[in-house]
Amino acid sequence: YQRRVHGIEFQKISSNMLPKAEEKKEDELNPLENERLQRVFEHLIDQTKLEKDKEYDDECAKIEAKYKVEEDIKRDDKDKKKSERLKKKEAEKSKLKEKGLKITEGDLMKILEVLDPKSKPKITDVRDMIWEVDEDMDRCVSFSELKQMYTRCSRDKEWLEPRKLFNLIQFLMFLSDFHKTDITSEDTLQLLFIRNQADRTALDESLFAIFGEGKGKDAKGDEVHLNYSQYLEKVNKMALDNYKLSKRAKEQSVKGSTFLPGKSTMSAKQPQRFLQLLYSLYK
């Protein structure tokens, strides 16, 4: 959360200062990552398709009724005003349709129930997932927001980005078939290879962190299968360990540095309180 709040002004300034080519390169995903992300997004928005279709029909009926009343009242209006009302009506319908092409709380609840049927997902956890990436505050996740989140988290070297939604999306990207609910090391190899920029040592470290010493094989040589809960436990531990390493390295690098004029004197608790206030307003 630190980056999303304290980094806002810095990002606005730095993005204007960067050359266009550099800006584009930073936002680009590997074609395989982009393809898998699109596939996962389409799968997620289909989780509550029937409910979304029904809601769309009901809301459209309300819009039609509202504009019919207006037409009856303003029967003598000229063609221009009638045309403006028609455009306004279609714009409302279009906005309504766009909502059906976003990931909602219901979509995430359903997919979590499928991945982990033994433990019922909490609506508060799902709302936290959406809040992490919800740039336009509409309580849904568009593909653009999902892509931005994935890019930020996958490129985050300091492990400061919130990762609740990222961990779910990454697990789904690993799945070769959405009828499956577990992954093997074989499922993860392509994406992890890209993530680690073809660095074999870094790839081995990632496999070790997720699958243990056998890197996907147990003591008998059989493939290790991880369900979503097991995967979550592993990646959360990996994120915490890497964050501690990153923090320790940063502390060592600034040891002995002098005080810089203009440096923030905000206490450690103030950012946390500010974030709690923001979240309470959002809820």
C-alpha atoms as a PDB file:
ATOM      1  CA  TYR A   1       0.000   0.000   0.000  1.00  0.00           C
ATOM      2  CA  GLN A   2       2.960   2.283   0.602  1.00  0.00           C
ATOM      3  CA  ARG A   3       3.669   2.637  -3.112  1.00  0.00           C
ATOM      4  CA  ARG A   4       0.044   3.287  -4.054  1.00  0.00           C
ATOM      5  CA  VAL A   5      -0.343   6.173  -1.577  1.00  0.00           C
ATOM      6  CA  HIS A   6       3.058   7.790  -1.161  1.00  0.00           C
ATOM      7  CA  GLY A   7       4.142   7.087  -4.733  1.00  0.00           C
ATOM      8  CA  ILE A   8       1.218   8.807  -6.488  1.00  0.00           C
ATOM      9  CA  GLU A   9       2.773  12.252  -6.932  1.00  0.00           C
ATOM     10  CA  PHE A  10       6.186  10.804  -7.736  1.00  0.00           C
ATOM     11  CA  GLN A  11       4.725   8.574 -10.454  1.00  0.00           C
ATOM     12  CA  LYS A  12       2.951  11.507 -12.086  1.00  0.00           C
ATOM     13  CA  ILE A  13       6.171  13.531 -12.207  1.00  0.00           C
ATOM     14  CA  SER A  14       8.468  10.699 -13.275  1.00  0.00           C
ATOM     15  CA  SER A  15       6.138   9.447 -16.050  1.00  0.00           C
ATOM     16  CA  ASN A  16       6.292  12.882 -17.709  1.00  0.00           C
ATOM     17  CA  MET A  17      10.068  12.917 -17.488  1.00  0.00           C
ATOM     18  CA  LEU A  18      10.611   9.478 -19.026  1.00  0.00           C
ATOM     19  CA  PRO A  19      11.151   9.074 -22.776  1.00  0.00           C
ATOM     20  CA  LYS A  20       8.125   7.624 -24.564  1.00  0.00           C
ATOM     21  CA  ALA A  21       9.948   4.457 -25.617  1.00  0.00           C
ATOM     22  CA  GLU A  22      10.987   3.734 -22.013  1.00  0.00           C
ATOM     23  CA  GLU A  23       7.454   4.317 -20.730  1.00  0.00           C
ATOM     24  CA  LYS A  24       6.012   1.875 -23.252  1.00  0.00           C
ATOM     25  CA  LYS A  25       8.645  -0.758 -22.510  1.00  0.00           C
ATOM     26  CA  GLU A  26       7.877  -0.674 -18.776  1.00  0.00           C
ATOM     27  CA  ASP A  27       4.188  -1.350 -19.334  1.00  0.00           C
ATOM     28  CA  GLU A  28       4.653  -4.134 -21.877  1.00  0.00           C
ATOM     29  CA  LEU A  29       4.080  -7.752 -20.938  1.00  0.00           C
ATOM     30  CA  ASN A  30       5.555 -10.764 -22.642  1.00  0.00           C
ATOM     31  CA  PRO A  31       3.082 -12.124 -25.272  1.00  0.00           C
ATOM     32  CA  LEU A  32       2.614 -15.328 -23.248  1.00  0.00           C
ATOM     33  CA  GLU A  33       1.876 -13.363 -20.062  1.00  0.00           C
ATOM     34  CA  ASN A  34      -0.599 -11.157 -21.921  1.00  0.00           C
ATOM     35  CA  GLU A  35      -2.331 -14.163 -23.507  1.00  0.00           C
ATOM     36  CA  ARG A  36      -2.643 -16.013 -20.173  1.00  0.00           C
ATOM     37  CA  LEU A  37      -3.852 -12.878 -18.399  1.00  0.00           C
ATOM     38  CA  GLN A  38      -6.543 -12.278 -21.036  1.00  0.00           C
ATOM     39  CA  ARG A  39      -7.619 -15.927 -20.761  1.00  0.00           C
ATOM     40  CA  VAL A  40      -7.933 -15.691 -16.971  1.00  0.00           C
ATOM     41  CA  PHE A  41      -9.838 -12.392 -17.200  1.00  0.00           C
ATOM     42  CA  GLU A  42     -12.378 -13.872 -19.645  1.00  0.00           C
ATOM     43  CA  HIS A  43     -12.788 -16.926 -17.415  1.00  0.00           C
ATOM     44  CA  LEU A  44     -13.398 -14.769 -14.339  1.00  0.00           C
ATOM     45  CA  ILE A  45     -15.992 -12.436 -15.864  1.00  0.00           C
ATOM     46  CA  ASP A  46     -17.961 -15.523 -16.971  1.00  0.00           C
ATOM     47  CA  GLN A  47     -18.324 -16.822 -13.383  1.00  0.00           C
ATOM     48  CA  THR A  48     -21.570 -14.914 -12.778  1.00  0.00           C
ATOM     49  CA  LYS A  49     -22.651 -14.440 -16.411  1.00  0.00           C
ATOM     50  CA  LEU A  50     -26.283 -15.437 -15.783  1.00  0.00           C
ATOM     51  CA  GLU A  51     -26.595 -13.037 -12.847  1.00  0.00           C
ATOM     52  CA  LYS A  52     -24.967 -10.245 -14.864  1.00  0.00           C
ATOM     53  CA  ASP A  53     -27.279 -10.849 -17.835  1.00  0.00           C
ATOM     54  CA  LYS A  54     -30.342 -10.755 -15.574  1.00  0.00           C
ATOM     55  CA  GLU A  55     -29.141  -7.579 -13.854  1.00  0.00           C
ATOM     56  CA  TYR A  56     -28.482  -5.985 -17.255  1.00  0.00           C
ATOM     57  CA  ASP A  57     -31.997  -6.835 -18.494  1.00  0.00           C
ATOM     58  CA  ASP A  58     -33.602  -5.519 -15.277  1.00  0.00           C
ATOM     59  CA  GLU A  59     -31.626  -2.269 -15.324  1.00  0.00           C
ATOM     60  CA  CYS A  60     -32.303  -1.775 -19.055  1.00  0.00           C
ATOM     61  CA  ALA A  61     -36.030  -2.134 -18.373  1.00  0.00           C
ATOM     62  CA  LYS A  62     -35.759   0.578 -15.701  1.00  0.00           C
ATOM     63  CA  ILE A  63     -33.903   2.891 -18.094  1.00  0.00           C
ATOM     64  CA  GLU A  64     -36.508   2.321 -20.820  1.00  0.00           C
ATOM     65  CA  ALA A  65     -39.325   3.059 -18.371  1.00  0.00           C
ATOM     66  CA  LYS A  66     -37.614   6.229 -17.147  1.00  0.00           C
ATOM     67  CA  TYR A  67     -37.138   7.633 -20.653  1.00  0.00           C
ATOM     68  CA  LYS A  68     -40.647   6.613 -21.712  1.00  0.00           C
ATOM     69  CA  VAL A  69     -42.039   8.786 -18.914  1.00  0.00           C
ATOM     70  CA  GLU A  70     -39.854  11.676 -20.122  1.00  0.00           C
ATOM     71  CA  GLU A  71     -41.094  11.223 -23.695  1.00  0.00           C
ATOM     72  CA  ASP A  72     -44.730  11.301 -22.525  1.00  0.00           C
ATOM     73  CA  ILE A  73     -44.160  14.478 -20.491  1.00  0.00           C
ATOM     74  CA  LYS A  74     -42.129  16.277 -23.173  1.00  0.00           C
ATOM     75  CA  ARG A  75     -44.154  15.152 -26.177  1.00  0.00           C
ATOM     76  CA  ASP A  76     -43.900  18.536 -27.883  1.00  0.00           C
ATOM     77  CA  ASP A  77     -40.087  18.678 -27.840  1.00  0.00           C
ATOM     78  CA  LYS A  78     -38.301  19.214 -31.130  1.00  0.00           C
ATOM     79  CA  ASP A  79     -36.336  16.463 -32.860  1.00  0.00           C
ATOM     80  CA  LYS A  80     -33.003  17.773 -31.575  1.00  0.00           C
ATOM     81  CA  LYS A  81     -33.997  17.385 -27.908  1.00  0.00           C
ATOM     82  CA  LYS A  82     -35.483  13.940 -28.594  1.00  0.00           C
ATOM     83  CA  SER A  83     -32.223  12.913 -30.259  1.00  0.00           C
ATOM     84  CA  GLU A  84     -30.208  14.112 -27.234  1.00  0.00           C
ATOM     85  CA  ARG A  85     -32.399  12.078 -24.883  1.00  0.00           C
ATOM     86  CA  LEU A  86     -31.949   9.002 -27.075  1.00  0.00           C
ATOM     87  CA  LYS A  87     -28.145   9.413 -26.984  1.00  0.00           C
ATOM     88  CA  LYS A  88     -28.255   9.809 -23.208  1.00  0.00           C
ATOM     89  CA  LYS A  89     -30.341   6.652 -22.874  1.00  0.00           C
ATOM     90  CA  GLU A  90     -27.953   4.646 -25.068  1.00  0.00           C
ATOM     91  CA  ALA A  91     -24.969   5.975 -23.087  1.00  0.00           C
ATOM     92  CA  GLU A  92     -26.550   4.705 -19.857  1.00  0.00           C
ATOM     93  CA  LYS A  93     -27.133   1.289 -21.426  1.00  0.00           C
ATOM     94  CA  SER A  94     -23.569   1.197 -22.747  1.00  0.00           C
ATOM     95  CA  LYS A  95     -22.157   2.002 -19.305  1.00  0.00           C
ATOM     96  CA  LEU A  96     -24.326  -0.747 -17.842  1.00  0.00           C
ATOM     97  CA  LYS A  97     -23.030  -3.232 -20.417  1.00  0.00           C
ATOM     98  CA  GLU A  98     -19.415  -2.345 -19.610  1.00  0.00           C
ATOM     99  CA  LYS A  99     -20.001  -3.342 -15.993  1.00  0.00           C
ATOM    100  CA  GLY A 100     -20.760  -6.889 -17.174  1.00  0.00           C
ATOM    101  CA  LEU A 101     -17.292  -6.992 -18.758  1.00  0.00           C
ATOM    102  CA  LYS A 102     -15.507  -6.493 -15.435  1.00  0.00           C
ATOM    103  CA  ILE A 103     -14.552  -8.807 -12.583  1.00  0.00           C
ATOM    104  CA  THR A 104     -17.002  -8.392  -9.704  1.00  0.00           C
ATOM    105  CA  GLU A 105     -17.111  -9.540  -6.083  1.00  0.00           C
ATOM    106  CA  GLY A 106     -19.441 -12.356  -7.158  1.00  0.00           C
ATOM    107  CA  ASP A 107     -16.950 -13.589  -9.787  1.00  0.00           C
ATOM    108  CA  LEU A 108     -14.131 -13.786  -7.235  1.00  0.00           C
ATOM    109  CA  MET A 109     -16.348 -15.459  -4.618  1.00  0.00           C
ATOM    110  CA  LYS A 110     -17.342 -18.171  -7.114  1.00  0.00           C
ATOM    111  CA  ILE A 111     -13.810 -18.914  -8.326  1.00  0.00           C
ATOM    112  CA  LEU A 112     -12.508 -19.108  -4.733  1.00  0.00           C
ATOM    113  CA  GLU A 113     -15.281 -21.563  -3.854  1.00  0.00           C
ATOM    114  CA  VAL A 114     -14.201 -23.735  -6.801  1.00  0.00           C
ATOM    115  CA  LEU A 115     -10.481 -23.583  -5.942  1.00  0.00           C
ATOM    116  CA  ASP A 116     -10.932 -24.146  -2.223  1.00  0.00           C
ATOM    117  CA  PRO A 117     -14.328 -25.770  -1.510  1.00  0.00           C
ATOM    118  CA  LYS A 118     -13.392 -26.714   2.076  1.00  0.00           C
ATOM    119  CA  SER A 119     -13.026 -23.136   3.302  1.00  0.00           C
ATOM    120  CA  LYS A 120     -15.761 -20.643   2.443  1.00  0.00           C
ATOM    121  CA  PRO A 121     -14.294 -17.372   1.097  1.00  0.00           C
ATOM    122  CA  LYS A 122     -14.972 -14.201   3.092  1.00  0.00           C
ATOM    123  CA  ILE A 123     -16.543 -11.227   1.340  1.00  0.00           C
ATOM    124  CA  THR A 124     -14.136  -8.937   3.236  1.00  0.00           C
ATOM    125  CA  ASP A 125     -11.135 -10.735   1.676  1.00  0.00           C
ATOM    126  CA  VAL A 126     -12.676 -10.401  -1.779  1.00  0.00           C
ATOM    127  CA  ARG A 127     -13.311  -6.682  -1.241  1.00  0.00           C
ATOM    128  CA  ASP A 128      -9.685  -6.278  -0.152  1.00  0.00           C
ATOM    129  CA  MET A 129      -8.558  -7.922  -3.393  1.00  0.00           C
ATOM    130  CA  ILE A 130     -10.597  -5.505  -5.484  1.00  0.00           C
ATOM    131  CA  TRP A 131      -9.615  -2.473  -3.400  1.00  0.00           C
ATOM    132  CA  GLU A 132      -5.926  -3.156  -4.091  1.00  0.00           C
ATOM    133  CA  VAL A 133      -6.395  -2.478  -7.820  1.00  0.00           C
ATOM    134  CA  ASP A 134      -9.647  -0.505  -8.129  1.00  0.00           C
ATOM    135  CA  GLU A 135      -8.335   2.720  -9.689  1.00  0.00           C
ATOM    136  CA  ASP A 136     -11.750   4.144 -10.683  1.00  0.00           C
ATOM    137  CA  MET A 137     -13.430   3.059  -7.398  1.00  0.00           C
ATOM    138  CA  ASP A 138     -16.336   1.237  -9.093  1.00  0.00           C
ATOM    139  CA  ARG A 139     -15.866  -1.921  -6.951  1.00  0.00           C
ATOM    140  CA  CYS A 140     -15.016  -3.950 -10.064  1.00  0.00           C
ATOM    141  CA  VAL A 141     -11.795  -4.819 -11.909  1.00  0.00           C
ATOM    142  CA  SER A 142     -11.413  -4.011 -15.595  1.00  0.00           C
ATOM    143  CA  PHE A 143      -8.825  -5.698 -17.820  1.00  0.00           C
ATOM    144  CA  SER A 144      -6.784  -2.488 -17.825  1.00  0.00           C
ATOM    145  CA  GLU A 145      -6.692  -2.431 -14.008  1.00  0.00           C
ATOM    146  CA  LEU A 146      -5.846  -6.145 -13.912  1.00  0.00           C
ATOM    147  CA  LYS A 147      -2.983  -5.666 -16.365  1.00  0.00           C
ATOM    148  CA  GLN A 148      -1.578  -2.707 -14.420  1.00  0.00           C
ATOM    149  CA  MET A 149      -1.711  -4.718 -11.200  1.00  0.00           C
ATOM    150  CA  TYR A 150      -0.019  -7.748 -12.772  1.00  0.00           C
ATOM    151  CA  THR A 151       2.741  -5.579 -14.262  1.00  0.00           C
ATOM    152  CA  ARG A 152       3.394  -3.775 -10.970  1.00  0.00           C
ATOM    153  CA  CYS A 153       3.518  -6.946  -8.875  1.00  0.00           C
ATOM    154  CA  SER A 154       5.537  -9.054 -11.295  1.00  0.00           C
ATOM    155  CA  ARG A 155       8.146  -6.244 -11.676  1.00  0.00           C
ATOM    156  CA  ASP A 156       8.216  -5.291  -7.984  1.00  0.00           C
ATOM    157  CA  LYS A 157      11.767  -5.886  -6.729  1.00  0.00           C
ATOM    158  CA  GLU A 158      11.149  -4.567  -3.197  1.00  0.00           C
ATOM    159  CA  TRP A 159       8.034  -6.709  -2.531  1.00  0.00           C
ATOM    160  CA  LEU A 160       5.964  -3.721  -1.384  1.00  0.00           C
ATOM    161  CA  GLU A 161       2.981  -4.221  -3.686  1.00  0.00           C
ATOM    162  CA  PRO A 162      -0.238  -5.700  -2.206  1.00  0.00           C
ATOM    163  CA  ARG A 163      -0.556  -9.209  -3.672  1.00  0.00           C
ATOM    164  CA  LYS A 164      -3.874 -10.761  -2.667  1.00  0.00           C
ATOM    165  CA  LEU A 165      -5.439 -10.515  -6.119  1.00  0.00           C
ATOM    166  CA  PHE A 166      -2.098 -11.068  -7.860  1.00  0.00           C
ATOM    167  CA  ASN A 167      -1.606 -14.432  -6.107  1.00  0.00           C
ATOM    168  CA  LEU A 168      -5.023 -15.632  -7.251  1.00  0.00           C
ATOM    169  CA  ILE A 169      -4.480 -14.431 -10.839  1.00  0.00           C
ATOM    170  CA  GLN A 170      -1.014 -15.980 -10.973  1.00  0.00           C
ATOM    171  CA  PHE A 171      -2.348 -19.353  -9.789  1.00  0.00           C
ATOM    172  CA  LEU A 172      -5.062 -19.267 -12.473  1.00  0.00           C
ATOM    173  CA  MET A 173      -2.466 -18.326 -15.104  1.00  0.00           C
ATOM    174  CA  PHE A 174      -0.476 -21.424 -14.154  1.00  0.00           C
ATOM    175  CA  LEU A 175      -3.492 -23.696 -14.720  1.00  0.00           C
ATOM    176  CA  SER A 176      -3.384 -25.311 -18.150  1.00  0.00           C
ATOM    177  CA  ASP A 177      -7.038 -26.293 -17.789  1.00  0.00           C
ATOM    178  CA  PHE A 178      -9.643 -24.484 -15.679  1.00  0.00           C
ATOM    179  CA  HIS A 179     -11.211 -27.838 -14.775  1.00  0.00           C
ATOM    180  CA  LYS A 180      -8.071 -28.506 -12.705  1.00  0.00           C
ATOM    181  CA  THR A 181      -7.687 -27.111  -9.191  1.00  0.00           C
ATOM    182  CA  ASP A 182      -3.998 -27.864  -8.586  1.00  0.00           C
ATOM    183  CA  ILE A 183      -0.665 -27.076 -10.228  1.00  0.00           C
ATOM    184  CA  THR A 184       2.638 -28.882 -10.780  1.00  0.00           C
ATOM    185  CA  SER A 185       6.120 -27.495 -11.424  1.00  0.00           C
ATOM    186  CA  GLU A 186       5.598 -28.269 -15.110  1.00  0.00           C
ATOM    187  CA  ASP A 187       2.621 -25.874 -15.172  1.00  0.00           C
ATOM    188  CA  THR A 188       4.712 -23.028 -13.771  1.00  0.00           C
ATOM    189  CA  LEU A 189       7.924 -23.362 -15.797  1.00  0.00           C
ATOM    190  CA  GLN A 190       7.083 -21.145 -18.780  1.00  0.00           C
ATOM    191  CA  LEU A 191       5.813 -18.175 -16.786  1.00  0.00           C
ATOM    192  CA  LEU A 192       8.515 -18.415 -14.128  1.00  0.00           C
ATOM    193  CA  PHE A 193      11.190 -18.619 -16.828  1.00  0.00           C
ATOM    194  CA  ILE A 194       9.862 -15.365 -18.345  1.00  0.00           C
ATOM    195  CA  ARG A 195       9.452 -13.742 -14.916  1.00  0.00           C
ATOM    196  CA  ASN A 196      13.060 -14.497 -13.997  1.00  0.00           C
ATOM    197  CA  GLN A 197      14.270 -13.211 -17.380  1.00  0.00           C
ATOM    198  CA  ALA A 198      15.727 -16.580 -18.412  1.00  0.00           C
ATOM    199  CA  ASP A 199      17.990 -16.651 -15.321  1.00  0.00           C
ATOM    200  CA  ARG A 200      18.322 -20.352 -14.475  1.00  0.00           C
ATOM    201  CA  THR A 201      19.492 -19.711 -10.899  1.00  0.00           C
ATOM    202  CA  ALA A 202      16.542 -17.393 -10.177  1.00  0.00           C
ATOM    203  CA  LEU A 203      14.181 -19.947 -11.763  1.00  0.00           C
ATOM    204  CA  ASP A 204      15.517 -22.710  -9.501  1.00  0.00           C
ATOM    205  CA  GLU A 205      15.093 -20.444  -6.460  1.00  0.00           C
ATOM    206  CA  SER A 206      11.452 -19.752  -7.409  1.00  0.00           C
ATOM    207  CA  LEU A 207      10.737 -23.466  -7.885  1.00  0.00           C
ATOM    208  CA  PHE A 208      12.408 -24.255  -4.558  1.00  0.00           C
ATOM    209  CA  ALA A 209      10.323 -21.570  -2.770  1.00  0.00           C
ATOM    210  CA  ILE A 210       7.054 -22.933  -4.206  1.00  0.00           C
ATOM    211  CA  PHE A 211       7.651 -26.699  -4.432  1.00  0.00           C
ATOM    212  CA  GLY A 212      10.437 -27.335  -1.911  1.00  0.00           C
ATOM    213  CA  GLU A 213      13.767 -29.130  -2.246  1.00  0.00           C
ATOM    214  CA  GLY A 214      12.620 -31.491  -4.967  1.00  0.00           C
ATOM    215  CA  LYS A 215      11.522 -28.526  -7.134  1.00  0.00           C
ATOM    216  CA  GLY A 216       8.329 -30.320  -8.066  1.00  0.00           C
ATOM    217  CA  LYS A 217       9.219 -33.916  -7.171  1.00  0.00           C
ATOM    218  CA  ASP A 218       8.682 -35.705  -3.873  1.00  0.00           C
ATOM    219  CA  ALA A 219      11.076 -38.202  -2.228  1.00  0.00           C
ATOM    220  CA  LYS A 220       9.731 -41.026  -4.453  1.00  0.00           C
ATOM    221  CA  GLY A 221      10.234 -38.971  -7.614  1.00  0.00           C
ATOM    222  CA  ASP A 222       6.509 -38.362  -8.157  1.00  0.00           C
ATOM    223  CA  GLU A 223       5.154 -34.980  -9.170  1.00  0.00           C
ATOM    224  CA  VAL A 224       4.079 -32.654  -6.357  1.00  0.00           C
ATOM    225  CA  HIS A 225       0.590 -31.182  -6.791  1.00  0.00           C
ATOM    226  CA  LEU A 226      -0.304 -27.960  -4.979  1.00  0.00           C
ATOM    227  CA  ASN A 227      -3.859 -26.773  -4.474  1.00  0.00           C
ATOM    228  CA  TYR A 228      -4.656 -23.065  -4.088  1.00  0.00           C
ATOM    229  CA  SER A 229      -4.386 -23.006  -0.268  1.00  0.00           C
ATOM    230  CA  GLN A 230      -1.009 -24.750  -0.333  1.00  0.00           C
ATOM    231  CA  TYR A 231       0.239 -22.449  -3.092  1.00  0.00           C
ATOM    232  CA  LEU A 232      -0.935 -19.371  -1.165  1.00  0.00           C
ATOM    233  CA  GLU A 233       0.938 -20.497   1.945  1.00  0.00           C
ATOM    234  CA  LYS A 234       4.153 -20.925  -0.060  1.00  0.00           C
ATOM    235  CA  VAL A 235       4.018 -17.622  -1.993  1.00  0.00           C
ATOM    236  CA  ASN A 236       3.042 -15.591   1.083  1.00  0.00           C
ATOM    237  CA  LYS A 237       6.088 -16.964   2.910  1.00  0.00           C
ATOM    238  CA  MET A 238       8.262 -16.270  -0.153  1.00  0.00           C
ATOM    239  CA  ALA A 239       6.969 -12.668  -0.346  1.00  0.00           C
ATOM    240  CA  LEU A 240       7.622 -12.057   3.359  1.00  0.00           C
ATOM    241  CA  ASP A 241      11.141 -13.536   3.197  1.00  0.00           C
ATOM    242  CA  ASN A 242      11.999 -11.486   0.103  1.00  0.00           C
ATOM    243  CA  TYR A 243      10.562  -8.312   1.633  1.00  0.00           C
ATOM    244  CA  LYS A 244      12.756  -8.790   4.726  1.00  0.00           C
ATOM    245  CA  LEU A 245      15.832  -9.348   2.548  1.00  0.00           C
ATOM    246  CA  SER A 246      15.043  -6.263   0.461  1.00  0.00           C
ATOM    247  CA  LYS A 247      14.465  -4.131   3.568  1.00  0.00           C
ATOM    248  CA  ARG A 248      17.701  -5.340   5.182  1.00  0.00           C
ATOM    249  CA  ALA A 249      19.662  -4.592   2.008  1.00  0.00           C
ATOM    250  CA  LYS A 250      18.156  -1.095   1.824  1.00  0.00           C
ATOM    251  CA  GLU A 251      18.974  -0.392   5.480  1.00  0.00           C
ATOM    252  CA  GLN A 252      22.566  -1.474   4.959  1.00  0.00           C
ATOM    253  CA  SER A 253      22.902   0.692   1.843  1.00  0.00           C
ATOM    254  CA  VAL A 254      21.765   3.857   3.655  1.00  0.00           C
ATOM    255  CA  LYS A 255      23.846   3.290   6.822  1.00  0.00           C
ATOM    256  CA  GLY A 256      25.956   6.310   7.556  1.00  0.00           C
ATOM    257  CA  SER A 257      24.078   8.538   5.107  1.00  0.00           C
ATOM    258  CA  THR A 258      23.471  12.128   6.234  1.00  0.00           C
ATOM    259  CA  PHE A 259      20.091  13.810   6.686  1.00  0.00           C
ATOM    260  CA  LEU A 260      18.826  15.339   3.439  1.00  0.00           C
ATOM    261  CA  PRO A 261      16.886  18.626   3.527  1.00  0.00           C
ATOM    262  CA  GLY A 262      13.256  18.134   2.593  1.00  0.00           C
ATOM    263  CA  LYS A 263      13.218  14.503   3.719  1.00  0.00           C
ATOM    264  CA  SER A 264       9.827  13.449   5.157  1.00  0.00           C
ATOM    265  CA  THR A 265       9.624  13.320   8.954  1.00  0.00           C
ATOM    266  CA  MET A 266       6.356  11.361   8.950  1.00  0.00           C
ATOM    267  CA  SER A 267       6.213   8.822  11.766  1.00  0.00           C
ATOM    268  CA  ALA A 268       5.991   5.098  11.003  1.00  0.00           C
ATOM    269  CA  LYS A 269       2.362   4.912  12.165  1.00  0.00           C
ATOM    270  CA  GLN A 270       1.042   7.879  10.154  1.00  0.00           C
ATOM    271  CA  PRO A 271       0.983   6.138   6.712  1.00  0.00           C
ATOM    272  CA  GLN A 272      -0.850   3.188   8.284  1.00  0.00           C
ATOM    273  CA  ARG A 273      -3.482   5.463   9.838  1.00  0.00           C
ATOM    274  CA  PHE A 274      -3.902   7.304   6.535  1.00  0.00           C
ATOM    275  CA  LEU A 275      -4.462   4.020   4.701  1.00  0.00           C
ATOM    276  CA  GLN A 276      -7.004   2.882   7.314  1.00  0.00           C
ATOM    277  CA  LEU A 277      -8.895   6.144   6.788  1.00  0.00           C
ATOM    278  CA  LEU A 278      -8.853   5.696   2.997  1.00  0.00           C
ATOM    279  CA  TYR A 279     -10.084   2.123   3.272  1.00  0.00           C
ATOM    280  CA  SER A 280     -12.901   3.061   5.653  1.00  0.00           C
ATOM    281  CA  LEU A 281     -14.072   5.712   3.181  1.00  0.00           C
ATOM    282  CA  TYR A 282     -13.928   3.200   0.323  1.00  0.00           C
ATOM    283  CA  LYS A 283     -15.998   0.608   2.255  1.00  0.00           C
END
